[in-house]
N, C-alpha and C. Protein backbone atom coordinates (compact mmCIF):
# COMPACT_ATOMS: atom_id res chain seq x y z
N MET A 1 0.95 -1.41 0.37
CA MET A 1 0.01 -0.09 -0.30
C MET A 1 0.95 0.96 0.02
N LEU A 2 0.36 2.56 -0.13
CA LEU A 2 1.01 3.69 -0.97
C LEU A 2 0.13 4.63 0.16
N VAL A 3 0.84 5.29 0.90
CA VAL A 3 0.11 6.46 1.73
C VAL A 3 1.21 7.94 0.85
N ILE A 4 0.28 8.98 0.65
CA ILE A 4 0.88 10.02 0.26
C ILE A 4 0.08 11.16 1.55
N ALA A 5 0.94 11.92 1.87
CA ALA A 5 0.51 12.65 2.36
C ALA A 5 1.08 14.00 2.30
N GLY A 6 0.55 15.35 2.24
CA GLY A 6 1.10 16.08 2.37
C GLY A 6 0.09 17.98 2.98
N HIS A 7 0.42 18.90 2.66
CA HIS A 7 -0.24 20.18 2.57
C HIS A 7 0.17 20.78 1.28
N ILE A 8 -1.13 21.84 0.85
CA ILE A 8 -0.93 23.20 -0.25
C ILE A 8 -1.30 24.73 0.86
N ARG A 9 -0.75 25.37 0.43
CA ARG A 9 -0.93 26.25 0.79
C ARG A 9 -0.96 27.41 -0.06
N LEU A 10 -2.25 27.85 0.00
CA LEU A 10 -2.76 29.01 -0.66
C LEU A 10 -3.42 30.08 0.09
N GLU A 11 -3.26 30.88 -1.47
CA GLU A 11 -4.18 32.37 -0.85
C GLU A 11 -5.11 32.46 -0.43
N PRO A 12 -5.59 32.21 0.98
CA PRO A 12 -6.53 31.83 1.97
C PRO A 12 -8.19 33.09 0.43
N ALA A 13 -7.34 33.88 -0.29
CA ALA A 13 -9.32 34.54 -0.39
C ALA A 13 -9.96 33.97 -1.30
N ASN A 14 -8.60 32.97 -2.46
CA ASN A 14 -9.51 31.87 -2.75
C ASN A 14 -9.72 30.34 -1.53
N ARG A 15 -9.99 30.43 -0.74
CA ARG A 15 -10.49 28.99 -1.06
C ARG A 15 -11.55 28.68 -1.07
N ASP A 16 -13.10 29.23 -0.67
CA ASP A 16 -12.92 29.07 -1.33
C ASP A 16 -13.82 28.20 -2.31
N ALA A 17 -12.75 28.49 -3.83
CA ALA A 17 -13.09 28.30 -4.91
C ALA A 17 -11.95 26.93 -4.92
N ALA A 18 -11.49 26.84 -4.45
CA ALA A 18 -10.25 25.76 -3.72
C ALA A 18 -10.85 24.37 -3.57
N LEU A 19 -12.11 24.88 -2.53
CA LEU A 19 -13.04 24.32 -1.61
C LEU A 19 -13.88 23.30 -2.37
N ALA A 20 -14.25 23.83 -4.27
CA ALA A 20 -15.07 23.47 -4.69
C ALA A 20 -13.87 22.55 -6.19
N ALA A 21 -13.01 23.19 -5.58
CA ALA A 21 -12.61 22.23 -7.06
C ALA A 21 -11.96 20.83 -6.32
N THR A 22 -11.88 21.00 -4.94
CA THR A 22 -11.01 19.96 -4.13
C THR A 22 -12.62 18.45 -4.07
N ILE A 23 -14.08 19.51 -3.74
CA ILE A 23 -14.99 18.24 -3.60
C ILE A 23 -15.12 17.96 -4.88
N GLU A 24 -15.31 18.51 -6.24
CA GLU A 24 -14.94 17.92 -7.61
C GLU A 24 -14.31 16.85 -7.73
N VAL A 25 -13.13 16.73 -7.18
CA VAL A 25 -11.58 16.37 -7.41
C VAL A 25 -11.67 14.30 -6.79
N MET A 26 -13.32 14.92 -5.25
CA MET A 26 -12.66 14.29 -4.96
C MET A 26 -13.36 12.91 -4.47
N ALA A 27 -14.44 13.42 -5.13
CA ALA A 27 -15.41 12.59 -5.45
C ALA A 27 -15.34 11.70 -6.87
N GLU A 28 -14.65 12.41 -7.81
CA GLU A 28 -14.33 11.22 -8.69
C GLU A 28 -13.21 11.01 -8.19
N THR A 29 -12.18 10.76 -7.84
CA THR A 29 -11.14 9.65 -7.57
C THR A 29 -11.94 8.80 -6.61
N HIS A 30 -12.72 9.30 -5.65
CA HIS A 30 -13.43 7.48 -4.61
C HIS A 30 -13.12 6.53 -5.97
N LYS A 31 -13.61 6.88 -6.38
CA LYS A 31 -14.54 5.82 -7.76
C LYS A 31 -13.48 5.11 -8.43
N GLU A 32 -12.28 5.44 -8.04
CA GLU A 32 -11.09 4.45 -8.90
C GLU A 32 -10.56 3.42 -8.61
N GLU A 33 -9.72 2.22 -8.74
CA GLU A 33 -9.83 1.72 -8.65
C GLU A 33 -8.78 1.56 -8.38
N GLY A 34 -8.56 0.56 -6.98
CA GLY A 34 -7.35 0.90 -6.68
C GLY A 34 -6.78 2.09 -5.30
N CYS A 35 -7.86 2.38 -5.70
CA CYS A 35 -8.17 4.11 -3.63
C CYS A 35 -8.38 3.40 -2.94
N ILE A 36 -7.60 3.19 -1.80
CA ILE A 36 -8.45 2.98 -0.39
C ILE A 36 -9.20 4.11 -0.29
N SER A 37 -8.04 5.78 0.47
CA SER A 37 -9.14 6.71 0.91
C SER A 37 -8.13 7.96 0.24
N TYR A 38 -8.93 9.23 -0.05
CA TYR A 38 -8.82 10.45 -0.85
C TYR A 38 -9.30 11.36 0.00
N THR A 39 -8.44 12.05 0.32
CA THR A 39 -8.96 13.20 1.05
C THR A 39 -8.06 14.27 0.91
N ILE A 40 -8.93 14.72 0.36
CA ILE A 40 -7.75 16.89 0.98
C ILE A 40 -9.50 17.92 1.60
N SER A 41 -8.64 18.22 2.62
CA SER A 41 -9.58 18.32 3.94
C SER A 41 -8.68 20.68 3.89
N ALA A 42 -9.73 21.34 4.43
CA ALA A 42 -8.93 22.73 4.58
C ALA A 42 -8.75 22.15 6.37
N ASP A 43 -7.83 23.06 6.79
CA ASP A 43 -7.70 22.81 8.23
C ASP A 43 -8.14 24.09 8.53
N LEU A 44 -8.34 23.95 9.52
CA LEU A 44 -9.80 25.06 10.44
C LEU A 44 -9.56 26.02 11.40
N VAL A 45 -7.95 26.01 10.94
CA VAL A 45 -7.90 27.49 11.87
C VAL A 45 -6.86 28.16 10.55
N ASP A 46 -6.22 27.71 9.94
CA ASP A 46 -5.25 28.67 8.96
C ASP A 46 -6.62 28.04 7.46
N GLU A 47 -6.99 29.07 7.66
CA GLU A 47 -7.90 29.51 6.07
C GLU A 47 -7.14 29.32 4.65
N GLY A 48 -5.32 29.49 4.33
CA GLY A 48 -5.01 29.23 3.41
C GLY A 48 -4.25 28.00 3.47
N LEU A 49 -4.67 26.59 4.49
CA LEU A 49 -3.91 25.62 4.52
C LEU A 49 -4.94 24.18 4.01
N PHE A 50 -4.74 23.04 3.21
CA PHE A 50 -5.13 22.29 2.75
C PHE A 50 -4.67 20.77 3.34
N HIS A 51 -4.99 20.38 3.56
CA HIS A 51 -4.02 18.86 4.11
C HIS A 51 -4.56 17.86 2.96
N LEU A 52 -3.34 17.04 2.58
CA LEU A 52 -4.02 15.49 2.17
C LEU A 52 -3.53 14.27 2.89
N PHE A 53 -4.19 13.45 2.25
CA PHE A 53 -3.89 12.08 3.21
C PHE A 53 -3.92 10.88 1.70
N GLU A 54 -3.69 10.42 1.46
CA GLU A 54 -3.93 9.44 -0.01
C GLU A 54 -3.92 7.97 0.43
N GLU A 55 -4.48 6.83 0.05
CA GLU A 55 -3.97 5.17 0.77
C GLU A 55 -4.52 5.06 -0.93
N TRP A 56 -2.87 4.33 -1.39
CA TRP A 56 -3.15 3.71 -2.97
C TRP A 56 -2.89 2.25 -2.56
N GLN A 57 -3.34 0.98 -3.32
CA GLN A 57 -3.85 0.01 -3.31
C GLN A 57 -1.89 -0.62 -3.95
N ASP A 58 -1.84 0.96 -4.80
CA ASP A 58 -0.51 -0.15 -5.10
C ASP A 58 -0.02 1.24 -6.68
N GLN A 59 1.12 1.38 -6.80
CA GLN A 59 1.63 2.46 -8.06
C GLN A 59 1.07 2.65 -8.44
N ALA A 60 0.77 1.38 -9.67
CA ALA A 60 -0.05 1.15 -10.60
C ALA A 60 -1.74 2.03 -10.86
N ALA A 61 -1.75 1.75 -9.24
CA ALA A 61 -3.35 2.32 -9.90
C ALA A 61 -2.93 3.90 -8.70
N LEU A 62 -1.98 4.32 -8.25
CA LEU A 62 -1.57 5.71 -8.22
C LEU A 62 -1.42 6.77 -9.77
N ASP A 63 -0.30 5.54 -10.50
CA ASP A 63 0.16 5.95 -11.56
C ASP A 63 -1.21 6.44 -12.97
N ARG A 64 -2.33 6.05 -12.81
CA ARG A 64 -3.43 5.71 -13.26
C ARG A 64 -4.11 7.46 -13.06
N HIS A 65 -3.79 7.51 -11.57
CA HIS A 65 -4.74 8.22 -11.03
C HIS A 65 -4.32 9.75 -11.29
N PHE A 66 -3.00 9.67 -11.20
CA PHE A 66 -2.62 11.07 -12.33
C PHE A 66 -2.77 11.62 -13.75
N LYS A 67 -3.66 10.45 -14.40
CA LYS A 67 -3.67 10.30 -15.88
C LYS A 67 -5.36 10.40 -15.92
N THR A 68 -5.61 11.81 -14.65
CA THR A 68 -7.41 11.29 -14.79
C THR A 68 -7.75 12.44 -15.93
N PRO A 69 -8.96 12.47 -16.04
CA PRO A 69 -9.10 14.37 -16.32
C PRO A 69 -9.18 14.63 -15.45
N HIS A 70 -9.81 13.81 -14.47
CA HIS A 70 -10.80 14.67 -13.02
C HIS A 70 -8.80 16.22 -12.37
N MET A 71 -7.96 15.20 -12.85
CA MET A 71 -6.66 14.96 -12.15
C MET A 71 -6.19 16.21 -12.58
N ALA A 72 -6.11 16.32 -14.19
CA ALA A 72 -5.56 17.37 -15.14
C ALA A 72 -6.28 18.63 -14.93
N LYS A 73 -7.75 18.49 -14.27
CA LYS A 73 -8.13 19.75 -13.99
C LYS A 73 -7.91 20.12 -13.00
N PHE A 74 -8.19 19.89 -12.09
CA PHE A 74 -7.28 19.94 -10.32
C PHE A 74 -6.23 20.55 -10.75
N GLN A 75 -5.08 19.99 -11.12
CA GLN A 75 -4.46 20.61 -11.08
C GLN A 75 -4.64 22.19 -12.16
N GLY A 76 -4.98 21.37 -13.14
CA GLY A 76 -4.53 23.24 -13.72
C GLY A 76 -5.74 24.30 -13.09
N ALA A 77 -6.17 24.12 -11.69
CA ALA A 77 -7.27 25.01 -11.12
C ALA A 77 -6.49 25.77 -10.55
N MET A 78 -5.60 24.47 -9.69
CA MET A 78 -4.98 24.71 -8.62
C MET A 78 -3.75 25.56 -8.41
N GLY A 79 -3.89 26.28 -10.36
CA GLY A 79 -2.30 27.34 -11.11
C GLY A 79 -3.59 28.23 -10.84
N GLY A 80 -4.68 28.68 -10.17
CA GLY A 80 -5.44 29.83 -10.29
C GLY A 80 -5.89 30.01 -9.03
N PHE A 81 -4.68 29.71 -7.92
CA PHE A 81 -5.35 29.47 -6.81
C PHE A 81 -3.73 30.07 -5.53
N GLY A 82 -3.30 30.87 -6.28
CA GLY A 82 -2.38 31.77 -5.85
C GLY A 82 -1.22 30.43 -4.62
N VAL A 83 -0.24 29.45 -5.22
CA VAL A 83 -0.31 28.01 -4.21
C VAL A 83 0.74 28.99 -4.01
N LYS A 84 1.17 29.12 -3.08
CA LYS A 84 2.19 29.18 -2.41
C LYS A 84 3.38 28.01 -2.08
N GLU A 85 2.98 27.29 -1.25
CA GLU A 85 3.21 25.88 -1.19
C GLU A 85 2.68 24.35 -1.19
N LEU A 86 3.68 23.77 -1.61
CA LEU A 86 2.98 22.50 -2.08
C LEU A 86 4.10 21.26 -1.38
N LYS A 87 3.96 20.65 -0.09
CA LYS A 87 4.69 19.30 0.11
C LYS A 87 3.54 18.62 0.22
N VAL A 88 3.78 17.19 -0.93
CA VAL A 88 3.19 16.11 -0.46
C VAL A 88 4.08 15.23 -0.63
N GLN A 89 4.62 13.71 0.01
CA GLN A 89 5.37 13.64 -0.17
C GLN A 89 5.17 11.67 -0.28
N ARG A 90 5.52 10.67 -0.78
CA ARG A 90 5.02 9.50 -0.83
C ARG A 90 5.54 8.36 -0.27
N TYR A 91 4.85 6.95 0.68
CA TYR A 91 5.58 6.35 1.36
C TYR A 91 5.19 4.85 1.02
N GLU A 92 5.93 4.11 1.38
CA GLU A 92 5.25 2.66 1.51
C GLU A 92 5.03 2.01 2.96
N VAL A 93 4.11 1.12 2.86
CA VAL A 93 3.28 0.83 3.72
C VAL A 93 3.48 -0.48 3.36
N SER A 94 4.69 -1.23 4.68
CA SER A 94 4.09 -2.78 4.59
C SER A 94 3.68 -3.33 5.12
N GLU A 95 3.38 -2.90 6.52
CA GLU A 95 2.14 -3.42 7.74
C GLU A 95 1.10 -2.25 7.96
N VAL A 96 0.07 -2.93 8.45
CA VAL A 96 -1.01 -1.60 8.63
C VAL A 96 -1.59 -2.56 10.25
N THR A 97 -1.18 -1.73 11.28
CA THR A 97 -2.34 -2.60 12.69
C THR A 97 -3.15 -1.77 12.77
N LYS A 98 -4.33 -1.89 13.85
CA LYS A 98 -5.22 -1.44 14.33
C LYS A 98 -4.25 -0.81 15.93
N LEU A 99 -5.27 0.74 15.68
CA LEU A 99 -4.97 0.90 16.81
C LEU A 99 -6.34 1.31 18.01
N MET A 100 -7.23 1.60 17.62
CA MET A 100 -8.50 1.85 18.36
C MET A 100 -10.26 1.48 17.17
N GLY A 101 -10.46 0.91 17.86
CA GLY A 101 -11.71 0.24 17.98
C GLY A 101 -12.00 -0.96 16.65
């Protein structure tokens, strides 16, 4: 399994437009084969900060995701939101254990 985690910092004035683009890309990505989870969430305190957390079955699923029309549309939209910082990292997970619940 792969985990993608990070954050995007953008102009706070563009938060609402970024939220709309995020909702659309999340809805479409959840339908993709190999997507275990995909969340982009707006920070509750910092209006210019969005957090990313994704789980993918394997690299092939992630590669297919990057080639989808909805991902291309999202990346194009993000270019207009005044992105100040983008930090996204990929983690290979060899074991998952339950902590609670």
